[in-house]
Amino acid sequence: MGGYSSWGVDEEDCRIYSEDGNSYQYKDVNQCLQEGIFKAFSISFYGCLFNNRWFVMKELSVYGKLANLMERTDELSALTQTTNIFKHSYFLPMELQILPDGGNGKPLLRGEEFHEFIGYPSLVGYIMQEEKMNVMQAHQRYLILDVVEPFIRKLRATRFSEFKRISTRSFIHPEMIFSTHRDYALIPLIVVNQQNEGHLYYFFGMLKKTMYRWKYFDLKK
């Protein structure tokens, strides 16, 4: 189950404490349902026809023992009235948020990833941005499997004296920092040679599988 919002749920009921009582984790949705912590739920669907395509957003809400279900039902019913539904933020034009002070006295721009969707209904912008991110992540996974990981294996096999050990900032997969048009990517690698000297290298990769090495700095032992 994906994300959801909760109403009137006692947070303490959702916690599982460690034996020493100093830390805790949250129960998953299924456990909360089985234990009766969630007493009721509602699913709301919001749709917008934009450029001859339907964009649909769904929201799941769960309600605990502290929730006033009748009051919440009345709120949801009122929201569906024609005069109210289009006041929902989903149907308002998307815009960037500018905070007056983002640190160092400079304004902070939030939501810059939605820049290309400014003026679209917000619901449309959220869905299109999610679709774009899914495509970009799939593209990155392909490049890691097809280009980056074979490249790292080749470095260790052919130049072991220089690349005795290679690690990345992420334990899951190598990090790739893309250019705007995504034809190039920086791939930071921490490298240790046979003399146990550490270096930080940036490999500037091309989709044509040509790599350029840039030694950024030496790491202290």
N, C-alpha and C. Protein backbone atom coordinates (compact mmCIF):
# COMPACT_ATOMS: atom_id res chain seq x y z
N MET A 1 0.85 -1.19 0.00
CA MET A 1 0.00 0.00 0.00
C MET A 1 0.88 1.23 0.00
N GLY A 2 0.50 2.23 -0.75
CA GLY A 2 1.30 3.45 -0.85
C GLY A 2 1.03 4.39 0.32
N GLY A 3 1.23 5.70 0.08
CA GLY A 3 1.05 6.68 1.13
C GLY A 3 -0.42 6.91 1.46
N TYR A 4 -0.66 7.45 2.65
CA TYR A 4 -2.02 7.73 3.08
C TYR A 4 -1.96 8.83 4.13
N SER A 5 -3.09 9.45 4.38
CA SER A 5 -3.19 10.43 5.45
C SER A 5 -4.04 9.82 6.57
N SER A 6 -3.78 10.21 7.78
CA SER A 6 -4.49 9.64 8.92
C SER A 6 -5.22 10.73 9.69
N TRP A 7 -6.34 10.35 10.25
CA TRP A 7 -7.18 11.27 11.02
C TRP A 7 -7.55 10.58 12.34
N GLY A 8 -7.28 11.26 13.43
CA GLY A 8 -7.69 10.74 14.73
C GLY A 8 -7.04 9.43 15.13
N VAL A 9 -5.83 9.18 14.63
CA VAL A 9 -5.10 7.96 14.98
C VAL A 9 -4.14 8.28 16.12
N ASP A 10 -4.21 7.52 17.19
CA ASP A 10 -3.30 7.69 18.31
C ASP A 10 -1.94 7.14 17.91
N GLU A 11 -0.97 8.03 17.77
CA GLU A 11 0.37 7.63 17.29
C GLU A 11 1.00 6.59 18.19
N GLU A 12 0.70 6.65 19.48
CA GLU A 12 1.29 5.70 20.42
C GLU A 12 0.87 4.27 20.09
N ASP A 13 -0.36 4.11 19.60
CA ASP A 13 -0.86 2.77 19.25
C ASP A 13 -0.11 2.19 18.06
N CYS A 14 0.51 3.05 17.26
CA CYS A 14 1.16 2.60 16.03
C CYS A 14 2.64 2.28 16.22
N ARG A 15 3.14 2.46 17.42
CA ARG A 15 4.57 2.27 17.66
C ARG A 15 4.89 0.88 18.21
N ILE A 16 6.05 0.36 17.81
CA ILE A 16 6.62 -0.86 18.39
C ILE A 16 7.97 -0.47 19.00
N TYR A 17 8.06 -0.57 20.31
CA TYR A 17 9.27 -0.12 20.99
C TYR A 17 10.30 -1.25 21.08
N SER A 18 11.56 -0.86 21.09
CA SER A 18 12.65 -1.82 21.27
C SER A 18 12.63 -2.32 22.72
N GLU A 19 13.40 -3.36 22.99
CA GLU A 19 13.40 -3.96 24.32
C GLU A 19 13.85 -2.97 25.40
N ASP A 20 14.81 -2.09 25.05
CA ASP A 20 15.27 -1.12 26.05
C ASP A 20 14.37 0.12 26.12
N GLY A 21 13.41 0.21 25.19
CA GLY A 21 12.47 1.32 25.22
C GLY A 21 13.02 2.64 24.73
N ASN A 22 14.25 2.63 24.19
CA ASN A 22 14.87 3.88 23.76
C ASN A 22 14.58 4.23 22.29
N SER A 23 14.05 3.28 21.56
CA SER A 23 13.76 3.55 20.15
C SER A 23 12.49 2.79 19.76
N TYR A 24 11.96 3.14 18.62
CA TYR A 24 10.72 2.49 18.16
C TYR A 24 10.63 2.56 16.65
N GLN A 25 9.80 1.69 16.11
CA GLN A 25 9.45 1.75 14.71
C GLN A 25 7.94 1.68 14.60
N TYR A 26 7.43 2.06 13.41
CA TYR A 26 5.98 2.09 13.24
C TYR A 26 5.46 0.78 12.65
N LYS A 27 4.29 0.38 13.09
CA LYS A 27 3.64 -0.80 12.54
C LYS A 27 3.23 -0.51 11.10
N ASP A 28 3.22 -1.56 10.26
CA ASP A 28 2.79 -1.35 8.89
C ASP A 28 1.26 -1.30 8.83
N VAL A 29 0.75 -0.97 7.66
CA VAL A 29 -0.69 -0.77 7.49
C VAL A 29 -1.47 -2.03 7.84
N ASN A 30 -0.98 -3.18 7.36
CA ASN A 30 -1.70 -4.43 7.62
C ASN A 30 -1.82 -4.72 9.11
N GLN A 31 -0.75 -4.46 9.85
CA GLN A 31 -0.79 -4.70 11.29
C GLN A 31 -1.77 -3.76 11.97
N CYS A 32 -1.79 -2.50 11.54
CA CYS A 32 -2.73 -1.53 12.11
C CYS A 32 -4.17 -1.94 11.83
N LEU A 33 -4.41 -2.49 10.64
CA LEU A 33 -5.76 -2.95 10.30
C LEU A 33 -6.15 -4.16 11.14
N GLN A 34 -5.22 -5.11 11.27
CA GLN A 34 -5.51 -6.33 12.03
C GLN A 34 -5.77 -6.03 13.50
N GLU A 35 -5.07 -5.05 14.04
CA GLU A 35 -5.23 -4.71 15.46
C GLU A 35 -6.37 -3.74 15.70
N GLY A 36 -7.02 -3.30 14.64
CA GLY A 36 -8.16 -2.40 14.80
C GLY A 36 -7.78 -0.97 15.11
N ILE A 37 -6.53 -0.60 14.87
CA ILE A 37 -6.10 0.78 15.11
C ILE A 37 -6.77 1.71 14.10
N PHE A 38 -6.88 1.24 12.85
CA PHE A 38 -7.61 1.98 11.82
C PHE A 38 -9.06 1.47 11.85
N LYS A 39 -9.99 2.34 12.18
CA LYS A 39 -11.39 1.97 12.32
C LYS A 39 -12.16 2.09 11.00
N ALA A 40 -11.72 2.97 10.14
CA ALA A 40 -12.43 3.19 8.87
C ALA A 40 -11.45 3.81 7.88
N PHE A 41 -11.84 3.83 6.62
CA PHE A 41 -10.99 4.46 5.60
C PHE A 41 -11.89 5.07 4.52
N SER A 42 -11.31 5.97 3.76
CA SER A 42 -12.01 6.56 2.62
C SER A 42 -11.02 6.73 1.48
N ILE A 43 -11.50 6.62 0.27
CA ILE A 43 -10.68 6.84 -0.92
C ILE A 43 -11.33 7.94 -1.75
N SER A 44 -10.57 8.97 -2.05
CA SER A 44 -11.06 10.08 -2.85
C SER A 44 -10.36 10.08 -4.20
N PHE A 45 -11.13 10.31 -5.26
CA PHE A 45 -10.57 10.40 -6.61
C PHE A 45 -10.78 11.81 -7.14
N TYR A 46 -9.71 12.38 -7.71
CA TYR A 46 -9.80 13.69 -8.32
C TYR A 46 -9.36 13.55 -9.77
N GLY A 47 -10.16 14.06 -10.69
CA GLY A 47 -9.85 13.93 -12.11
C GLY A 47 -9.84 15.27 -12.81
N CYS A 48 -8.98 15.39 -13.82
CA CYS A 48 -8.88 16.63 -14.59
C CYS A 48 -8.63 16.27 -16.05
N LEU A 49 -9.47 16.76 -16.95
CA LEU A 49 -9.27 16.56 -18.38
C LEU A 49 -8.41 17.70 -18.90
N PHE A 50 -7.21 17.37 -19.34
CA PHE A 50 -6.25 18.39 -19.75
C PHE A 50 -5.57 17.92 -21.03
N ASN A 51 -5.60 18.75 -22.06
CA ASN A 51 -5.00 18.41 -23.36
C ASN A 51 -5.48 17.05 -23.86
N ASN A 52 -6.79 16.84 -23.77
CA ASN A 52 -7.43 15.62 -24.28
C ASN A 52 -6.98 14.35 -23.54
N ARG A 53 -6.52 14.51 -22.31
CA ARG A 53 -6.12 13.35 -21.50
C ARG A 53 -6.67 13.50 -20.09
N TRP A 54 -7.14 12.41 -19.53
CA TRP A 54 -7.61 12.43 -18.16
C TRP A 54 -6.45 12.16 -17.21
N PHE A 55 -6.29 13.03 -16.23
CA PHE A 55 -5.32 12.84 -15.16
C PHE A 55 -6.12 12.58 -13.87
N VAL A 56 -5.84 11.46 -13.20
CA VAL A 56 -6.61 11.08 -12.03
C VAL A 56 -5.68 10.88 -10.84
N MET A 57 -6.00 11.53 -9.75
CA MET A 57 -5.25 11.40 -8.50
C MET A 57 -6.15 10.74 -7.47
N LYS A 58 -5.61 9.78 -6.73
CA LYS A 58 -6.41 9.15 -5.67
C LYS A 58 -5.73 9.38 -4.32
N GLU A 59 -6.57 9.53 -3.31
CA GLU A 59 -6.08 9.76 -1.96
C GLU A 59 -6.74 8.78 -1.00
N LEU A 60 -5.91 8.13 -0.19
CA LEU A 60 -6.41 7.20 0.83
C LEU A 60 -6.30 7.88 2.19
N SER A 61 -7.37 7.84 2.95
CA SER A 61 -7.36 8.35 4.32
C SER A 61 -7.81 7.25 5.26
N VAL A 62 -7.18 7.17 6.42
CA VAL A 62 -7.57 6.19 7.44
C VAL A 62 -7.96 6.95 8.70
N TYR A 63 -8.86 6.34 9.48
CA TYR A 63 -9.42 7.02 10.64
C TYR A 63 -9.29 6.14 11.88
N GLY A 64 -8.80 6.76 12.95
CA GLY A 64 -8.61 6.03 14.20
C GLY A 64 -9.71 6.30 15.20
N LYS A 65 -9.48 5.84 16.42
CA LYS A 65 -10.51 5.93 17.46
C LYS A 65 -10.81 7.36 17.89
N LEU A 66 -9.90 8.29 17.60
CA LEU A 66 -10.10 9.67 18.01
C LEU A 66 -10.81 10.50 16.94
N ALA A 67 -11.07 9.89 15.79
CA ALA A 67 -11.68 10.63 14.68
C ALA A 67 -13.18 10.74 14.86
N ASN A 68 -13.71 11.89 14.48
CA ASN A 68 -15.16 12.09 14.44
C ASN A 68 -15.62 11.76 13.02
N LEU A 69 -16.09 10.53 12.83
CA LEU A 69 -16.39 10.06 11.48
C LEU A 69 -17.53 10.83 10.83
N MET A 70 -18.54 11.18 11.59
CA MET A 70 -19.66 11.92 11.03
C MET A 70 -19.21 13.30 10.55
N GLU A 71 -18.38 13.93 11.34
CA GLU A 71 -17.88 15.26 10.98
C GLU A 71 -17.02 15.17 9.72
N ARG A 72 -16.17 14.15 9.65
CA ARG A 72 -15.30 13.99 8.48
C ARG A 72 -16.12 13.65 7.24
N THR A 73 -17.18 12.86 7.39
CA THR A 73 -18.06 12.53 6.27
C THR A 73 -18.73 13.78 5.72
N ASP A 74 -19.16 14.64 6.61
CA ASP A 74 -19.78 15.90 6.18
C ASP A 74 -18.78 16.77 5.43
N GLU A 75 -17.52 16.78 5.88
CA GLU A 75 -16.48 17.58 5.22
C GLU A 75 -16.23 17.06 3.80
N LEU A 76 -16.14 15.74 3.66
CA LEU A 76 -15.91 15.16 2.34
C LEU A 76 -17.08 15.40 1.41
N SER A 77 -18.29 15.31 1.95
CA SER A 77 -19.49 15.56 1.14
C SER A 77 -19.53 17.00 0.67
N ALA A 78 -19.18 17.93 1.55
CA ALA A 78 -19.19 19.35 1.18
C ALA A 78 -18.15 19.64 0.11
N LEU A 79 -17.02 18.93 0.18
CA LEU A 79 -15.96 19.16 -0.80
C LEU A 79 -16.38 18.81 -2.21
N THR A 80 -17.27 17.83 -2.34
CA THR A 80 -17.66 17.37 -3.67
C THR A 80 -18.67 18.30 -4.34
N GLN A 81 -19.16 19.29 -3.63
CA GLN A 81 -20.08 20.25 -4.25
C GLN A 81 -19.34 21.05 -5.31
N THR A 82 -20.00 21.29 -6.43
CA THR A 82 -19.36 21.95 -7.58
C THR A 82 -18.71 23.27 -7.19
N THR A 83 -19.36 24.01 -6.30
CA THR A 83 -18.84 25.34 -5.93
C THR A 83 -17.57 25.24 -5.10
N ASN A 84 -17.31 24.07 -4.51
CA ASN A 84 -16.16 23.91 -3.62
C ASN A 84 -15.02 23.13 -4.25
N ILE A 85 -15.34 22.15 -5.09
CA ILE A 85 -14.32 21.23 -5.56
C ILE A 85 -13.22 21.94 -6.34
N PHE A 86 -13.57 22.98 -7.09
CA PHE A 86 -12.55 23.64 -7.91
C PHE A 86 -11.72 24.64 -7.12
N LYS A 87 -12.03 24.77 -5.82
CA LYS A 87 -11.18 25.56 -4.95
C LYS A 87 -10.06 24.70 -4.37
N HIS A 88 -10.15 23.39 -4.59
CA HIS A 88 -9.11 22.48 -4.10
C HIS A 88 -7.79 22.81 -4.77
N SER A 89 -6.71 22.70 -4.02
CA SER A 89 -5.39 23.07 -4.54
C SER A 89 -5.02 22.27 -5.79
N TYR A 90 -5.57 21.05 -5.95
CA TYR A 90 -5.27 20.25 -7.14
C TYR A 90 -5.66 20.96 -8.43
N PHE A 91 -6.70 21.80 -8.37
CA PHE A 91 -7.22 22.41 -9.59
C PHE A 91 -6.73 23.84 -9.78
N LEU A 92 -5.95 24.34 -8.84
CA LEU A 92 -5.38 25.68 -8.98
C LEU A 92 -4.12 25.61 -9.83
N PRO A 93 -3.78 26.68 -10.55
CA PRO A 93 -2.57 26.67 -11.40
C PRO A 93 -1.32 26.43 -10.57
N MET A 94 -0.43 25.59 -11.09
CA MET A 94 0.82 25.30 -10.39
C MET A 94 1.73 26.51 -10.44
N GLU A 95 2.38 26.80 -9.33
CA GLU A 95 3.33 27.91 -9.26
C GLU A 95 4.46 27.55 -8.32
N LEU A 96 5.58 28.21 -8.50
CA LEU A 96 6.73 27.96 -7.64
C LEU A 96 6.58 28.72 -6.34
N GLN A 97 7.10 28.16 -5.27
CA GLN A 97 7.08 28.82 -3.97
C GLN A 97 8.43 29.49 -3.75
N ILE A 98 8.38 30.76 -3.43
CA ILE A 98 9.61 31.51 -3.16
C ILE A 98 9.60 31.92 -1.70
N LEU A 99 10.52 31.34 -0.93
CA LEU A 99 10.65 31.69 0.48
C LEU A 99 11.62 32.86 0.59
N PRO A 100 11.28 33.86 1.38
CA PRO A 100 12.11 35.08 1.44
C PRO A 100 13.54 34.85 1.90
N ASP A 101 13.74 33.85 2.77
CA ASP A 101 15.09 33.62 3.29
C ASP A 101 15.40 32.13 3.26
N GLY A 102 16.23 31.74 2.30
CA GLY A 102 16.62 30.35 2.22
C GLY A 102 18.00 30.12 2.79
N GLY A 103 18.51 31.07 3.54
CA GLY A 103 19.86 30.97 4.09
C GLY A 103 20.77 31.95 3.40
N ASN A 104 21.71 32.53 4.14
CA ASN A 104 22.66 33.53 3.62
C ASN A 104 21.93 34.73 3.02
N GLY A 105 20.72 34.98 3.51
CA GLY A 105 19.99 36.14 3.04
C GLY A 105 19.47 36.04 1.63
N LYS A 106 19.52 34.85 1.04
CA LYS A 106 19.07 34.66 -0.33
C LYS A 106 17.72 33.94 -0.35
N PRO A 107 16.85 34.30 -1.31
CA PRO A 107 15.56 33.61 -1.39
C PRO A 107 15.73 32.15 -1.79
N LEU A 108 14.84 31.32 -1.31
CA LEU A 108 14.87 29.90 -1.62
C LEU A 108 13.72 29.56 -2.55
N LEU A 109 14.03 28.90 -3.65
CA LEU A 109 13.02 28.51 -4.61
C LEU A 109 12.64 27.06 -4.37
N ARG A 110 11.37 26.83 -4.08
CA ARG A 110 10.90 25.47 -3.84
C ARG A 110 10.05 25.00 -5.02
N GLY A 111 10.15 23.71 -5.32
CA GLY A 111 9.35 23.17 -6.41
C GLY A 111 9.91 23.46 -7.78
N GLU A 112 11.24 23.67 -7.86
CA GLU A 112 11.85 24.01 -9.15
C GLU A 112 11.69 22.88 -10.16
N GLU A 113 11.56 21.64 -9.67
CA GLU A 113 11.41 20.51 -10.58
C GLU A 113 10.09 20.58 -11.35
N PHE A 114 9.16 21.43 -10.88
CA PHE A 114 7.88 21.59 -11.57
C PHE A 114 7.87 22.78 -12.51
N HIS A 115 9.05 23.35 -12.77
CA HIS A 115 9.12 24.60 -13.52
C HIS A 115 8.41 24.51 -14.87
N GLU A 116 8.58 23.38 -15.56
CA GLU A 116 7.99 23.26 -16.89
C GLU A 116 6.47 23.11 -16.86
N PHE A 117 5.92 22.89 -15.66
CA PHE A 117 4.47 22.70 -15.55
C PHE A 117 3.77 23.91 -14.93
N ILE A 118 4.47 25.04 -14.81
CA ILE A 118 3.85 26.24 -14.25
C ILE A 118 2.63 26.64 -15.10
N GLY A 119 1.54 26.93 -14.42
CA GLY A 119 0.31 27.30 -15.12
C GLY A 119 -0.61 26.13 -15.38
N TYR A 120 -0.08 24.90 -15.34
CA TYR A 120 -0.93 23.72 -15.46
C TYR A 120 -1.75 23.56 -14.17
N PRO A 121 -2.87 22.88 -14.23
CA PRO A 121 -3.52 22.50 -12.96
C PRO A 121 -2.54 21.70 -12.11
N SER A 122 -2.48 21.98 -10.83
CA SER A 122 -1.48 21.35 -9.98
C SER A 122 -1.55 19.83 -10.04
N LEU A 123 -2.76 19.29 -10.10
CA LEU A 123 -2.94 17.83 -10.18
C LEU A 123 -2.20 17.28 -11.40
N VAL A 124 -2.32 17.97 -12.53
CA VAL A 124 -1.65 17.55 -13.76
C VAL A 124 -0.14 17.62 -13.59
N GLY A 125 0.35 18.70 -13.00
CA GLY A 125 1.79 18.86 -12.79
C GLY A 125 2.38 17.78 -11.92
N TYR A 126 1.67 17.42 -10.83
CA TYR A 126 2.17 16.37 -9.93
C TYR A 126 2.29 15.04 -10.68
N ILE A 127 1.27 14.70 -11.45
CA ILE A 127 1.27 13.40 -12.14
C ILE A 127 2.33 13.38 -13.24
N MET A 128 2.46 14.48 -14.00
CA MET A 128 3.45 14.51 -15.08
C MET A 128 4.87 14.48 -14.54
N GLN A 129 5.10 15.14 -13.40
CA GLN A 129 6.43 15.10 -12.79
C GLN A 129 6.77 13.70 -12.31
N GLU A 130 5.79 13.01 -11.72
CA GLU A 130 6.02 11.63 -11.27
C GLU A 130 6.33 10.72 -12.46
N GLU A 131 5.61 10.90 -13.57
CA GLU A 131 5.87 10.09 -14.76
C GLU A 131 7.27 10.37 -15.30
N LYS A 132 7.65 11.63 -15.29
CA LYS A 132 8.99 12.01 -15.78
C LYS A 132 10.08 11.39 -14.91
N MET A 133 9.88 11.41 -13.58
CA MET A 133 10.86 10.83 -12.68
C MET A 133 10.98 9.33 -12.89
N ASN A 134 9.87 8.65 -13.13
CA ASN A 134 9.91 7.21 -13.38
C ASN A 134 10.72 6.88 -14.62
N VAL A 135 10.55 7.69 -15.67
CA VAL A 135 11.30 7.48 -16.90
C VAL A 135 12.79 7.73 -16.66
N MET A 136 13.11 8.81 -15.95
CA MET A 136 14.51 9.15 -15.69
C MET A 136 15.19 8.09 -14.83
N GLN A 137 14.48 7.57 -13.84
CA GLN A 137 15.07 6.53 -12.99
C GLN A 137 15.29 5.23 -13.76
N ALA A 138 14.34 4.90 -14.64
CA ALA A 138 14.52 3.70 -15.47
C ALA A 138 15.72 3.87 -16.40
N HIS A 139 15.86 5.09 -16.96
CA HIS A 139 16.99 5.38 -17.84
C HIS A 139 18.31 5.27 -17.07
N GLN A 140 18.33 5.77 -15.84
CA GLN A 140 19.55 5.69 -15.04
C GLN A 140 19.89 4.25 -14.69
N ARG A 141 18.88 3.45 -14.33
CA ARG A 141 19.15 2.04 -14.02
C ARG A 141 19.74 1.32 -15.23
N TYR A 142 19.21 1.65 -16.42
CA TYR A 142 19.74 1.04 -17.64
C TYR A 142 21.20 1.41 -17.84
N LEU A 143 21.54 2.69 -17.67
CA LEU A 143 22.93 3.12 -17.87
C LEU A 143 23.87 2.48 -16.85
N ILE A 144 23.41 2.34 -15.62
CA ILE A 144 24.25 1.71 -14.59
C ILE A 144 24.57 0.27 -14.97
N LEU A 145 23.57 -0.46 -15.43
CA LEU A 145 23.77 -1.87 -15.80
C LEU A 145 24.55 -2.01 -17.09
N ASP A 146 24.30 -1.12 -18.06
CA ASP A 146 24.88 -1.28 -19.40
C ASP A 146 26.23 -0.59 -19.55
N VAL A 147 26.46 0.47 -18.77
CA VAL A 147 27.69 1.27 -18.97
C VAL A 147 28.55 1.31 -17.71
N VAL A 148 27.99 1.76 -16.60
CA VAL A 148 28.80 2.11 -15.44
C VAL A 148 29.39 0.87 -14.77
N GLU A 149 28.57 -0.12 -14.44
CA GLU A 149 29.09 -1.30 -13.74
C GLU A 149 30.10 -2.08 -14.58
N PRO A 150 29.85 -2.31 -15.89
CA PRO A 150 30.90 -2.94 -16.70
C PRO A 150 32.18 -2.12 -16.75
N PHE A 151 32.05 -0.80 -16.77
CA PHE A 151 33.22 0.08 -16.80
C PHE A 151 34.04 -0.08 -15.52
N ILE A 152 33.38 -0.14 -14.35
CA ILE A 152 34.08 -0.30 -13.08
C ILE A 152 34.78 -1.67 -13.02
N ARG A 153 34.09 -2.70 -13.48
CA ARG A 153 34.71 -4.04 -13.49
C ARG A 153 35.94 -4.07 -14.39
N LYS A 154 35.87 -3.38 -15.52
CA LYS A 154 37.00 -3.35 -16.45
C LYS A 154 38.18 -2.60 -15.83
N LEU A 155 37.92 -1.52 -15.11
CA LEU A 155 39.00 -0.78 -14.45
C LEU A 155 39.75 -1.69 -13.48
N ARG A 156 39.02 -2.44 -12.68
CA ARG A 156 39.66 -3.30 -11.69
C ARG A 156 40.41 -4.46 -12.36
N ALA A 157 39.90 -4.94 -13.48
CA ALA A 157 40.52 -6.09 -14.14
C ALA A 157 41.78 -5.69 -14.90
N THR A 158 41.78 -4.52 -15.51
CA THR A 158 42.88 -4.13 -16.40
C THR A 158 43.89 -3.20 -15.73
N ARG A 159 43.49 -2.52 -14.64
CA ARG A 159 44.40 -1.56 -14.00
C ARG A 159 44.29 -1.71 -12.49
N PHE A 160 44.55 -2.92 -12.04
CA PHE A 160 44.34 -3.24 -10.63
C PHE A 160 45.25 -2.43 -9.72
N SER A 161 46.45 -2.11 -10.17
CA SER A 161 47.38 -1.36 -9.32
C SER A 161 46.83 0.03 -8.98
N GLU A 162 46.07 0.61 -9.89
CA GLU A 162 45.48 1.93 -9.64
C GLU A 162 44.12 1.82 -8.97
N PHE A 163 43.40 0.75 -9.28
CA PHE A 163 42.01 0.63 -8.83
C PHE A 163 41.82 -0.67 -8.03
N LYS A 164 42.58 -0.77 -6.93
CA LYS A 164 42.48 -1.94 -6.08
C LYS A 164 41.08 -2.04 -5.45
N ARG A 165 40.58 -0.90 -5.03
CA ARG A 165 39.24 -0.87 -4.45
C ARG A 165 38.49 0.35 -4.97
N ILE A 166 37.26 0.16 -5.37
CA ILE A 166 36.42 1.23 -5.89
C ILE A 166 35.11 1.23 -5.12
N SER A 167 34.76 2.37 -4.60
CA SER A 167 33.49 2.48 -3.88
C SER A 167 32.77 3.75 -4.31
N THR A 168 31.50 3.80 -4.00
CA THR A 168 30.69 4.95 -4.35
C THR A 168 30.04 5.49 -3.09
N ARG A 169 29.43 6.66 -3.23
CA ARG A 169 28.78 7.27 -2.07
C ARG A 169 27.54 6.49 -1.66
N SER A 170 26.90 5.86 -2.63
CA SER A 170 25.70 5.09 -2.36
C SER A 170 26.06 3.60 -2.28
N PHE A 171 25.47 2.91 -1.32
CA PHE A 171 25.72 1.47 -1.18
C PHE A 171 24.89 0.67 -2.17
N ILE A 172 23.88 1.30 -2.78
CA ILE A 172 22.96 0.58 -3.66
C ILE A 172 23.47 0.55 -5.09
N HIS A 173 23.86 1.70 -5.62
CA HIS A 173 24.34 1.76 -7.00
C HIS A 173 25.18 3.03 -7.17
N PRO A 174 26.03 3.08 -8.18
CA PRO A 174 26.84 4.28 -8.41
C PRO A 174 25.97 5.50 -8.63
N GLU A 175 26.45 6.61 -8.15
CA GLU A 175 25.71 7.86 -8.31
C GLU A 175 26.04 8.47 -9.67
N MET A 176 25.04 9.01 -10.33
CA MET A 176 25.24 9.68 -11.62
C MET A 176 24.64 11.07 -11.54
N ILE A 177 25.45 12.08 -11.85
CA ILE A 177 24.99 13.46 -11.83
C ILE A 177 24.86 13.91 -13.28
N PHE A 178 23.63 14.06 -13.75
CA PHE A 178 23.39 14.29 -15.17
C PHE A 178 23.46 15.77 -15.53
N SER A 179 23.84 16.01 -16.78
CA SER A 179 23.73 17.34 -17.34
C SER A 179 22.27 17.60 -17.70
N THR A 180 21.96 18.81 -18.11
CA THR A 180 20.58 19.17 -18.39
C THR A 180 19.97 18.28 -19.45
N HIS A 181 20.71 18.02 -20.53
CA HIS A 181 20.16 17.22 -21.62
C HIS A 181 20.47 15.74 -21.48
N ARG A 182 21.13 15.35 -20.37
CA ARG A 182 21.33 13.95 -19.99
C ARG A 182 22.17 13.15 -20.98
N ASP A 183 22.92 13.83 -21.84
CA ASP A 183 23.85 13.11 -22.71
C ASP A 183 25.16 12.83 -21.99
N TYR A 184 25.41 13.54 -20.91
CA TYR A 184 26.64 13.39 -20.14
C TYR A 184 26.29 13.20 -18.67
N ALA A 185 27.19 12.56 -17.95
CA ALA A 185 26.98 12.37 -16.52
C ALA A 185 28.31 12.32 -15.80
N LEU A 186 28.37 12.94 -14.63
CA LEU A 186 29.52 12.80 -13.74
C LEU A 186 29.29 11.58 -12.85
N ILE A 187 30.32 10.76 -12.72
CA ILE A 187 30.23 9.55 -11.90
C ILE A 187 31.34 9.61 -10.86
N PRO A 188 31.05 10.08 -9.64
CA PRO A 188 32.10 10.16 -8.61
C PRO A 188 32.42 8.78 -8.04
N LEU A 189 33.71 8.45 -7.99
CA LEU A 189 34.16 7.16 -7.45
C LEU A 189 35.31 7.41 -6.47
N ILE A 190 35.27 6.74 -5.34
CA ILE A 190 36.38 6.77 -4.39
C ILE A 190 37.26 5.56 -4.69
N VAL A 191 38.53 5.83 -4.97
CA VAL A 191 39.44 4.79 -5.46
C VAL A 191 40.62 4.64 -4.50
N VAL A 192 41.01 3.40 -4.22
CA VAL A 192 42.20 3.11 -3.42
C VAL A 192 43.12 2.23 -4.26
N ASN A 193 44.42 2.64 -4.35
CA ASN A 193 45.36 1.87 -5.16
C ASN A 193 46.11 0.85 -4.29
N GLN A 194 47.08 0.16 -4.88
CA GLN A 194 47.79 -0.89 -4.14
C GLN A 194 48.65 -0.33 -3.02
N GLN A 195 48.98 0.94 -3.06
CA GLN A 195 49.74 1.57 -1.98
C GLN A 195 48.80 2.10 -0.89
N ASN A 196 47.52 1.72 -1.00
CA ASN A 196 46.49 2.17 -0.06
C ASN A 196 46.35 3.69 -0.02
N GLU A 197 46.62 4.32 -1.15
CA GLU A 197 46.40 5.75 -1.29
C GLU A 197 45.00 5.97 -1.88
N GLY A 198 44.26 6.88 -1.25
CA GLY A 198 42.89 7.12 -1.69
C GLY A 198 42.78 8.35 -2.57
N HIS A 199 41.93 8.28 -3.56
CA HIS A 199 41.68 9.41 -4.46
C HIS A 199 40.18 9.48 -4.74
N LEU A 200 39.74 10.69 -5.02
CA LEU A 200 38.38 10.87 -5.50
C LEU A 200 38.44 11.21 -6.99
N TYR A 201 37.88 10.34 -7.80
CA TYR A 201 37.88 10.53 -9.24
C TYR A 201 36.47 10.87 -9.72
N TYR A 202 36.43 11.75 -10.70
CA TYR A 202 35.18 11.97 -11.42
C TYR A 202 35.37 11.46 -12.83
N PHE A 203 34.50 10.56 -13.24
CA PHE A 203 34.52 10.08 -14.61
C PHE A 203 33.37 10.72 -15.36
N PHE A 204 33.72 11.43 -16.40
CA PHE A 204 32.74 12.16 -17.19
C PHE A 204 32.27 11.25 -18.31
N GLY A 205 31.08 10.70 -18.17
CA GLY A 205 30.64 9.67 -19.09
C GLY A 205 29.80 10.18 -20.24
N MET A 206 29.94 9.54 -21.38
CA MET A 206 29.11 9.83 -22.54
C MET A 206 28.28 8.60 -22.85
N LEU A 207 27.12 8.80 -23.43
CA LEU A 207 26.27 7.68 -23.77
C LEU A 207 26.90 6.79 -24.84
N LYS A 208 27.91 7.31 -25.53
CA LYS A 208 28.63 6.50 -26.52
C LYS A 208 29.67 5.61 -25.84
N LYS A 209 29.59 5.55 -24.49
CA LYS A 209 30.44 4.67 -23.69
C LYS A 209 31.91 5.07 -23.74
N THR A 210 32.15 6.36 -23.89
CA THR A 210 33.51 6.90 -23.78
C THR A 210 33.61 7.63 -22.45
N MET A 211 34.67 7.37 -21.69
CA MET A 211 34.81 7.94 -20.36
C MET A 211 36.05 8.82 -20.30
N TYR A 212 35.94 9.92 -19.56
CA TYR A 212 37.06 10.80 -19.32
C TYR A 212 37.30 10.88 -17.83
N ARG A 213 38.55 10.78 -17.41
CA ARG A 213 38.87 10.75 -15.99
C ARG A 213 39.33 12.13 -15.52
N TRP A 214 38.83 12.51 -14.35
CA TRP A 214 39.23 13.76 -13.73
C TRP A 214 39.54 13.46 -12.27
N LYS A 215 40.81 13.57 -11.89
CA LYS A 215 41.22 13.33 -10.51
C LYS A 215 40.95 14.58 -9.70
N TYR A 216 39.99 14.49 -8.78
CA TYR A 216 39.55 15.68 -8.07
C TYR A 216 40.51 16.04 -6.94
N PHE A 217 40.77 15.11 -6.00
CA PHE A 217 41.75 15.36 -4.96
C PHE A 217 42.16 14.04 -4.31
N ASP A 218 43.29 14.07 -3.62
CA ASP A 218 43.76 12.90 -2.90
C ASP A 218 43.12 12.85 -1.52
N LEU A 219 42.76 11.65 -1.10
CA LEU A 219 42.18 11.47 0.23
C LEU A 219 43.26 11.15 1.24
N LYS A 220 43.17 11.73 2.41
CA LYS A 220 44.17 11.48 3.44
C LYS A 220 43.98 10.09 4.00
N LYS A 221 45.07 9.47 4.38
CA LYS A 221 45.03 8.11 4.94
C LYS A 221 44.39 8.18 6.34
